[in-house]
Amino acid sequence: MATPDFVIELRRHIGTTALPLVGATAVVLRGDSILLGRRSDNGALTPITGIVEPGEEPADAAVRETLEEAGVVCRVE
């Protein structure tokens, strides 16, 4: 998972000050199966998650992250 460019730019200005960010989690279902991804930091299985970019709706972020992280096209219900 790469750090979004806008976060890198914010870090240039605020350093290591706490930076609250909005996140989105996609619970992707197909029948009785749930799509899980593996975390890059500890290897644990988890639903697809990511940071909502400025001006982006959380639902759109969940769809984008699912495509970016798992290569799966999904839709929000």
PDB file of N, CA and C in Angstrom:
ATOM      1  N   MET A   1       0.834  -1.180   0.000  1.00  0.00           N
ATOM      2  CA  MET A   1       0.000   0.000   0.000  1.00  0.00           C
ATOM      3  C   MET A   1       0.881   1.245   0.000  1.00  0.00           C
ATOM      4  N   ALA A   2       0.801   1.967  -1.042  1.00  0.00           N
ATOM      5  CA  ALA A   2       1.577   3.202  -1.127  1.00  0.00           C
ATOM      6  C   ALA A   2       0.871   4.321  -0.366  1.00  0.00           C
ATOM      7  N   THR A   3       1.651   5.226   0.171  1.00  0.00           N
ATOM      8  CA  THR A   3       1.087   6.395   0.845  1.00  0.00           C
ATOM      9  C   THR A   3       0.576   7.357  -0.218  1.00  0.00           C
ATOM     10  N   PRO A   4      -0.691   7.799  -0.103  1.00  0.00           N
ATOM     11  CA  PRO A   4      -1.232   8.732  -1.103  1.00  0.00           C
ATOM     12  C   PRO A   4      -0.399  10.018  -1.176  1.00  0.00           C
ATOM     13  N   ASP A   5      -0.294  10.556  -2.374  1.00  0.00           N
ATOM     14  CA  ASP A   5       0.489  11.774  -2.587  1.00  0.00           C
ATOM     15  C   ASP A   5       0.048  12.918  -1.691  1.00  0.00           C
ATOM     16  N   PHE A   6      -1.278  13.059  -1.459  1.00  0.00           N
ATOM     17  CA  PHE A   6      -1.735  14.183  -0.648  1.00  0.00           C
ATOM     18  C   PHE A   6      -1.258  14.051   0.798  1.00  0.00           C
ATOM     19  N   VAL A   7      -1.079  12.831   1.282  1.00  0.00           N
ATOM     20  CA  VAL A   7      -0.576  12.631   2.636  1.00  0.00           C
ATOM     21  C   VAL A   7       0.911  13.001   2.694  1.00  0.00           C
ATOM     22  N   ILE A   8       1.653  12.616   1.691  1.00  0.00           N
ATOM     23  CA  ILE A   8       3.074  12.983   1.636  1.00  0.00           C
ATOM     24  C   ILE A   8       3.222  14.501   1.633  1.00  0.00           C
ATOM     25  N   GLU A   9       2.397  15.184   0.859  1.00  0.00           N
ATOM     26  CA  GLU A   9       2.452  16.650   0.805  1.00  0.00           C
ATOM     27  C   GLU A   9       2.084  17.255   2.157  1.00  0.00           C
ATOM     28  N   LEU A  10       1.059  16.731   2.807  1.00  0.00           N
ATOM     29  CA  LEU A  10       0.692  17.219   4.134  1.00  0.00           C
ATOM     30  C   LEU A  10       1.835  17.033   5.120  1.00  0.00           C
ATOM     31  N   ARG A  11       2.499  15.891   5.060  1.00  0.00           N
ATOM     32  CA  ARG A  11       3.614  15.609   5.964  1.00  0.00           C
ATOM     33  C   ARG A  11       4.742  16.631   5.800  1.00  0.00           C
ATOM     34  N   ARG A  12       4.937  17.112   4.576  1.00  0.00           N
ATOM     35  CA  ARG A  12       5.964  18.142   4.346  1.00  0.00           C
ATOM     36  C   ARG A  12       5.672  19.400   5.149  1.00  0.00           C
ATOM     37  N   HIS A  13       4.395  19.674   5.360  1.00  0.00           N
ATOM     38  CA  HIS A  13       3.990  20.899   6.055  1.00  0.00           C
ATOM     39  C   HIS A  13       3.848  20.712   7.560  1.00  0.00           C
ATOM     40  N   ILE A  14       3.360  19.551   7.970  1.00  0.00           N
ATOM     41  CA  ILE A  14       3.054  19.383   9.401  1.00  0.00           C
ATOM     42  C   ILE A  14       3.993  18.425  10.120  1.00  0.00           C
ATOM     43  N   GLY A  15       4.887  17.802   9.397  1.00  0.00           N
ATOM     44  CA  GLY A  15       5.829  16.886  10.041  1.00  0.00           C
ATOM     45  C   GLY A  15       5.139  15.650  10.590  1.00  0.00           C
ATOM     46  N   THR A  16       5.452  15.308  11.839  1.00  0.00           N
ATOM     47  CA  THR A  16       4.921  14.074  12.432  1.00  0.00           C
ATOM     48  C   THR A  16       3.718  14.314  13.344  1.00  0.00           C
ATOM     49  N   THR A  17       3.148  15.529  13.283  1.00  0.00           N
ATOM     50  CA  THR A  17       1.937  15.810  14.047  1.00  0.00           C
ATOM     51  C   THR A  17       0.849  14.802  13.663  1.00  0.00           C
ATOM     52  N   ALA A  18       0.015  14.437  14.640  1.00  0.00           N
ATOM     53  CA  ALA A  18      -1.081  13.503  14.363  1.00  0.00           C
ATOM     54  C   ALA A  18      -1.912  13.994  13.182  1.00  0.00           C
ATOM     55  N   LEU A  19      -2.252  13.088  12.291  1.00  0.00           N
ATOM     56  CA  LEU A  19      -2.990  13.424  11.080  1.00  0.00           C
ATOM     57  C   LEU A  19      -4.205  12.508  10.968  1.00  0.00           C
ATOM     58  N   PRO A  20      -5.367  12.971  11.451  1.00  0.00           N
ATOM     59  CA  PRO A  20      -6.562  12.132  11.326  1.00  0.00           C
ATOM     60  C   PRO A  20      -6.995  12.061   9.858  1.00  0.00           C
ATOM     61  N   LEU A  21      -7.225  10.860   9.387  1.00  0.00           N
ATOM     62  CA  LEU A  21      -7.634  10.641   8.003  1.00  0.00           C
ATOM     63  C   LEU A  21      -8.920   9.827   7.964  1.00  0.00           C
ATOM     64  N   VAL A  22      -9.719  10.060   6.944  1.00  0.00           N
ATOM     65  CA  VAL A  22     -10.953   9.300   6.745  1.00  0.00           C
ATOM     66  C   VAL A  22     -10.614   8.060   5.930  1.00  0.00           C
ATOM     67  N   GLY A  23     -11.091   6.923   6.387  1.00  0.00           N
ATOM     68  CA  GLY A  23     -10.860   5.672   5.681  1.00  0.00           C
ATOM     69  C   GLY A  23     -12.165   5.036   5.235  1.00  0.00           C
ATOM     70  N   ALA A  24     -12.052   4.119   4.301  1.00  0.00           N
ATOM     71  CA  ALA A  24     -13.220   3.370   3.822  1.00  0.00           C
ATOM     72  C   ALA A  24     -12.859   1.895   3.809  1.00  0.00           C
ATOM     73  N   THR A  25     -13.829   1.069   4.143  1.00  0.00           N
ATOM     74  CA  THR A  25     -13.658  -0.378   4.101  1.00  0.00           C
ATOM     75  C   THR A  25     -14.729  -0.956   3.191  1.00  0.00           C
ATOM     76  N   ALA A  26     -14.312  -1.836   2.292  1.00  0.00           N
ATOM     77  CA  ALA A  26     -15.249  -2.485   1.375  1.00  0.00           C
ATOM     78  C   ALA A  26     -15.479  -3.919   1.844  1.00  0.00           C
ATOM     79  N   VAL A  27     -16.714  -4.251   2.135  1.00  0.00           N
ATOM     80  CA  VAL A  27     -17.086  -5.635   2.425  1.00  0.00           C
ATOM     81  C   VAL A  27     -17.676  -6.169   1.125  1.00  0.00           C
ATOM     82  N   VAL A  28     -16.859  -6.913   0.393  1.00  0.00           N
ATOM     83  CA  VAL A  28     -17.228  -7.381  -0.941  1.00  0.00           C
ATOM     84  C   VAL A  28     -17.698  -8.827  -0.832  1.00  0.00           C
ATOM     85  N   LEU A  29     -18.937  -9.036  -1.224  1.00  0.00           N
ATOM     86  CA  LEU A  29     -19.558 -10.363  -1.129  1.00  0.00           C
ATOM     87  C   LEU A  29     -19.817 -10.937  -2.509  1.00  0.00           C
ATOM     88  N   ARG A  30     -19.619 -12.245  -2.633  1.00  0.00           N
ATOM     89  CA  ARG A  30     -20.053 -12.991  -3.807  1.00  0.00           C
ATOM     90  C   ARG A  30     -20.628 -14.287  -3.276  1.00  0.00           C
ATOM     91  N   GLY A  31     -21.940 -14.375  -3.278  1.00  0.00           N
ATOM     92  CA  GLY A  31     -22.589 -15.525  -2.654  1.00  0.00           C
ATOM     93  C   GLY A  31     -22.291 -15.518  -1.167  1.00  0.00           C
ATOM     94  N   ASP A  32     -21.756 -16.618  -0.666  1.00  0.00           N
ATOM     95  CA  ASP A  32     -21.399 -16.721   0.749  1.00  0.00           C
ATOM     96  C   ASP A  32     -19.928 -16.386   1.016  1.00  0.00           C
ATOM     97  N   SER A  33     -19.206 -15.934  -0.021  1.00  0.00           N
ATOM     98  CA  SER A  33     -17.778 -15.628   0.125  1.00  0.00           C
ATOM     99  C   SER A  33     -17.566 -14.136   0.352  1.00  0.00           C
ATOM    100  N   ILE A  34     -16.533 -13.818   1.127  1.00  0.00           N
ATOM    101  CA  ILE A  34     -16.148 -12.433   1.401  1.00  0.00           C
ATOM    102  C   ILE A  34     -14.721 -12.246   0.898  1.00  0.00           C
ATOM    103  N   LEU A  35     -14.494 -11.148   0.148  1.00  0.00           N
ATOM    104  CA  LEU A  35     -13.164 -10.843  -0.356  1.00  0.00           C
ATOM    105  C   LEU A  35     -12.300 -10.283   0.764  1.00  0.00           C
ATOM    106  N   LEU A  36     -11.135 -10.871   0.959  1.00  0.00           N
ATOM    107  CA  LEU A  36     -10.171 -10.383   1.942  1.00  0.00           C
ATOM    108  C   LEU A  36      -8.840 -10.112   1.256  1.00  0.00           C
ATOM    109  N   GLY A  37      -8.132  -9.125   1.781  1.00  0.00           N
ATOM    110  CA  GLY A  37      -6.786  -8.836   1.315  1.00  0.00           C
ATOM    111  C   GLY A  37      -5.812  -9.098   2.445  1.00  0.00           C
ATOM    112  N   ARG A  38      -4.541  -9.183   2.114  1.00  0.00           N
ATOM    113  CA  ARG A  38      -3.521  -9.408   3.135  1.00  0.00           C
ATOM    114  C   ARG A  38      -2.798  -8.099   3.401  1.00  0.00           C
ATOM    115  N   ARG A  39      -2.756  -7.687   4.677  1.00  0.00           N
ATOM    116  CA  ARG A  39      -2.083  -6.453   5.060  1.00  0.00           C
ATOM    117  C   ARG A  39      -0.596  -6.535   4.753  1.00  0.00           C
ATOM    118  N   SER A  40      -0.029  -5.421   4.296  1.00  0.00           N
ATOM    119  CA  SER A  40       1.403  -5.419   3.978  1.00  0.00           C
ATOM    120  C   SER A  40       2.267  -5.287   5.227  1.00  0.00           C
ATOM    121  N   ASP A  41       1.698  -4.764   6.328  1.00  0.00           N
ATOM    122  CA  ASP A  41       2.517  -4.547   7.526  1.00  0.00           C
ATOM    123  C   ASP A  41       2.647  -5.774   8.413  1.00  0.00           C
ATOM    124  N   ASN A  42       1.567  -6.583   8.504  1.00  0.00           N
ATOM    125  CA  ASN A  42       1.647  -7.729   9.410  1.00  0.00           C
ATOM    126  C   ASN A  42       1.141  -9.044   8.791  1.00  0.00           C
ATOM    127  N   GLY A  43       0.710  -8.994   7.532  1.00  0.00           N
ATOM    128  CA  GLY A  43       0.288 -10.203   6.840  1.00  0.00           C
ATOM    129  C   GLY A  43      -1.095 -10.710   7.201  1.00  0.00           C
ATOM    130  N   ALA A  44      -1.811  -9.997   8.073  1.00  0.00           N
ATOM    131  CA  ALA A  44      -3.151 -10.434   8.487  1.00  0.00           C
ATOM    132  C   ALA A  44      -4.158 -10.256   7.344  1.00  0.00           C
ATOM    133  N   LEU A  45      -5.159 -11.126   7.317  1.00  0.00           N
ATOM    134  CA  LEU A  45      -6.246 -10.985   6.353  1.00  0.00           C
ATOM    135  C   LEU A  45      -7.227  -9.936   6.857  1.00  0.00           C
ATOM    136  N   THR A  46      -7.734  -9.117   5.938  1.00  0.00           N
ATOM    137  CA  THR A  46      -8.633  -8.032   6.310  1.00  0.00           C
ATOM    138  C   THR A  46      -9.509  -7.665   5.119  1.00  0.00           C
ATOM    139  N   PRO A  47     -10.681  -7.094   5.374  1.00  0.00           N
ATOM    140  CA  PRO A  47     -11.435  -6.545   4.239  1.00  0.00           C
ATOM    141  C   PRO A  47     -10.588  -5.477   3.542  1.00  0.00           C
ATOM    142  N   ILE A  48     -10.937  -5.149   2.327  1.00  0.00           N
ATOM    143  CA  ILE A  48     -10.210  -4.133   1.563  1.00  0.00           C
ATOM    144  C   ILE A  48     -10.468  -2.766   2.203  1.00  0.00           C
ATOM    145  N   THR A  49      -9.397  -2.038   2.486  1.00  0.00           N
ATOM    146  CA  THR A  49      -9.525  -0.727   3.123  1.00  0.00           C
ATOM    147  C   THR A  49      -8.579   0.264   2.462  1.00  0.00           C
ATOM    148  N   GLY A  50      -8.849   1.535   2.694  1.00  0.00           N
ATOM    149  CA  GLY A  50      -7.960   2.562   2.177  1.00  0.00           C
ATOM    150  C   GLY A  50      -8.365   3.942   2.637  1.00  0.00           C
ATOM    151  N   ILE A  51      -7.539   4.909   2.309  1.00  0.00           N
ATOM    152  CA  ILE A  51      -7.777   6.300   2.692  1.00  0.00           C
ATOM    153  C   ILE A  51      -8.643   6.983   1.638  1.00  0.00           C
ATOM    154  N   VAL A  52      -9.634   7.728   2.099  1.00  0.00           N
ATOM    155  CA  VAL A  52     -10.485   8.520   1.215  1.00  0.00           C
ATOM    156  C   VAL A  52      -9.679   9.747   0.791  1.00  0.00           C
ATOM    157  N   GLU A  53      -9.599   9.977  -0.517  1.00  0.00           N
ATOM    158  CA  GLU A  53      -8.854  11.114  -1.030  1.00  0.00           C
ATOM    159  C   GLU A  53      -9.682  12.385  -0.922  1.00  0.00           C
ATOM    160  N   PRO A  54      -9.043  13.553  -0.880  1.00  0.00           N
ATOM    161  CA  PRO A  54      -9.781  14.817  -0.784  1.00  0.00           C
ATOM    162  C   PRO A  54     -10.819  14.940  -1.901  1.00  0.00           C
ATOM    163  N   GLY A  55     -12.055  15.270  -1.525  1.00  0.00           N
ATOM    164  CA  GLY A  55     -13.137  15.440  -2.483  1.00  0.00           C
ATOM    165  C   GLY A  55     -13.796  14.147  -2.926  1.00  0.00           C
ATOM    166  N   GLU A  56     -13.316  13.024  -2.439  1.00  0.00           N
ATOM    167  CA  GLU A  56     -13.857  11.722  -2.836  1.00  0.00           C
ATOM    168  C   GLU A  56     -14.908  11.261  -1.837  1.00  0.00           C
ATOM    169  N   GLU A  57     -15.962  10.651  -2.328  1.00  0.00           N
ATOM    170  CA  GLU A  57     -16.979  10.067  -1.460  1.00  0.00           C
ATOM    171  C   GLU A  57     -16.457   8.731  -0.931  1.00  0.00           C
ATOM    172  N   PRO A  58     -16.779   8.392   0.320  1.00  0.00           N
ATOM    173  CA  PRO A  58     -16.312   7.117   0.879  1.00  0.00           C
ATOM    174  C   PRO A  58     -16.699   5.900   0.042  1.00  0.00           C
ATOM    175  N   ALA A  59     -17.902   5.884  -0.502  1.00  0.00           N
ATOM    176  CA  ALA A  59     -18.324   4.744  -1.323  1.00  0.00           C
ATOM    177  C   ALA A  59     -17.451   4.626  -2.572  1.00  0.00           C
ATOM    178  N   ASP A  60     -17.117   5.761  -3.172  1.00  0.00           N
ATOM    179  CA  ASP A  60     -16.243   5.747  -4.346  1.00  0.00           C
ATOM    180  C   ASP A  60     -14.843   5.273  -3.972  1.00  0.00           C
ATOM    181  N   ALA A  61     -14.383   5.657  -2.785  1.00  0.00           N
ATOM    182  CA  ALA A  61     -13.068   5.209  -2.314  1.00  0.00           C
ATOM    183  C   ALA A  61     -13.060   3.691  -2.133  1.00  0.00           C
ATOM    184  N   ALA A  62     -14.134   3.134  -1.591  1.00  0.00           N
ATOM    185  CA  ALA A  62     -14.208   1.686  -1.396  1.00  0.00           C
ATOM    186  C   ALA A  62     -14.134   0.951  -2.730  1.00  0.00           C
ATOM    187  N   VAL A  63     -14.839   1.459  -3.732  1.00  0.00           N
ATOM    188  CA  VAL A  63     -14.801   0.845  -5.071  1.00  0.00           C
ATOM    189  C   VAL A  63     -13.396   0.977  -5.662  1.00  0.00           C
ATOM    190  N   ARG A  64     -12.794   2.159  -5.553  1.00  0.00           N
ATOM    191  CA  ARG A  64     -11.447   2.390  -6.091  1.00  0.00           C
ATOM    192  C   ARG A  64     -10.428   1.477  -5.419  1.00  0.00           C
ATOM    193  N   GLU A  65     -10.476   1.410  -4.090  1.00  0.00           N
ATOM    194  CA  GLU A  65      -9.522   0.582  -3.350  1.00  0.00           C
ATOM    195  C   GLU A  65      -9.673  -0.895  -3.704  1.00  0.00           C
ATOM    196  N   THR A  66     -10.894  -1.348  -3.896  1.00  0.00           N
ATOM    197  CA  THR A  66     -11.123  -2.744  -4.267  1.00  0.00           C
ATOM    198  C   THR A  66     -10.476  -3.059  -5.606  1.00  0.00           C
ATOM    199  N   LEU A  67     -10.598  -2.138  -6.549  1.00  0.00           N
ATOM    200  CA  LEU A  67      -9.971  -2.333  -7.852  1.00  0.00           C
ATOM    201  C   LEU A  67      -8.447  -2.264  -7.734  1.00  0.00           C
ATOM    202  N   GLU A  68      -7.935  -1.258  -7.005  1.00  0.00           N
ATOM    203  CA  GLU A  68      -6.490  -1.084  -6.877  1.00  0.00           C
ATOM    204  C   GLU A  68      -5.824  -2.233  -6.122  1.00  0.00           C
ATOM    205  N   GLU A  69      -6.422  -2.653  -5.026  1.00  0.00           N
ATOM    206  CA  GLU A  69      -5.778  -3.639  -4.153  1.00  0.00           C
ATOM    207  C   GLU A  69      -6.043  -5.081  -4.558  1.00  0.00           C
ATOM    208  N   ALA A  70      -7.224  -5.344  -5.135  1.00  0.00           N
ATOM    209  CA  ALA A  70      -7.575  -6.736  -5.434  1.00  0.00           C
ATOM    210  C   ALA A  70      -7.835  -6.994  -6.919  1.00  0.00           C
ATOM    211  N   GLY A  71      -7.880  -5.920  -7.730  1.00  0.00           N
ATOM    212  CA  GLY A  71      -8.168  -6.117  -9.147  1.00  0.00           C
ATOM    213  C   GLY A  71      -9.601  -6.551  -9.399  1.00  0.00           C
ATOM    214  N   VAL A  72     -10.488  -6.243  -8.435  1.00  0.00           N
ATOM    215  CA  VAL A  72     -11.886  -6.658  -8.520  1.00  0.00           C
ATOM    216  C   VAL A  72     -12.764  -5.432  -8.727  1.00  0.00           C
ATOM    217  N   VAL A  73     -13.629  -5.512  -9.739  1.00  0.00           N
ATOM    218  CA  VAL A  73     -14.608  -4.444  -9.985  1.00  0.00           C
ATOM    219  C   VAL A  73     -15.822  -4.758  -9.145  1.00  0.00           C
ATOM    220  N   CYS A  74     -16.256  -3.773  -8.347  1.00  0.00           N
ATOM    221  CA  CYS A  74     -17.436  -3.981  -7.501  1.00  0.00           C
ATOM    222  C   CYS A  74     -18.349  -2.773  -7.625  1.00  0.00           C
ATOM    223  N   ARG A  75     -19.521  -2.887  -7.037  1.00  0.00           N
ATOM    224  CA  ARG A  75     -20.456  -1.764  -6.976  1.00  0.00           C
ATOM    225  C   ARG A  75     -21.004  -1.677  -5.569  1.00  0.00           C
ATOM    226  N   VAL A  76     -21.385  -0.474  -5.188  1.00  0.00           N
ATOM    227  CA  VAL A  76     -21.921  -0.239  -3.853  1.00  0.00           C
ATOM    228  C   VAL A  76     -23.420  -0.484  -3.871  1.00  0.00           C
ATOM    229  N   GLU A  77     -23.901  -1.168  -2.858  1.00  0.00           N
ATOM    230  CA  GLU A  77     -25.342  -1.384  -2.690  1.00  0.00           C
ATOM    231  C   GLU A  77     -25.842  -0.560  -1.540  1.00  0.00           C
TER     232      GLU A  77
END
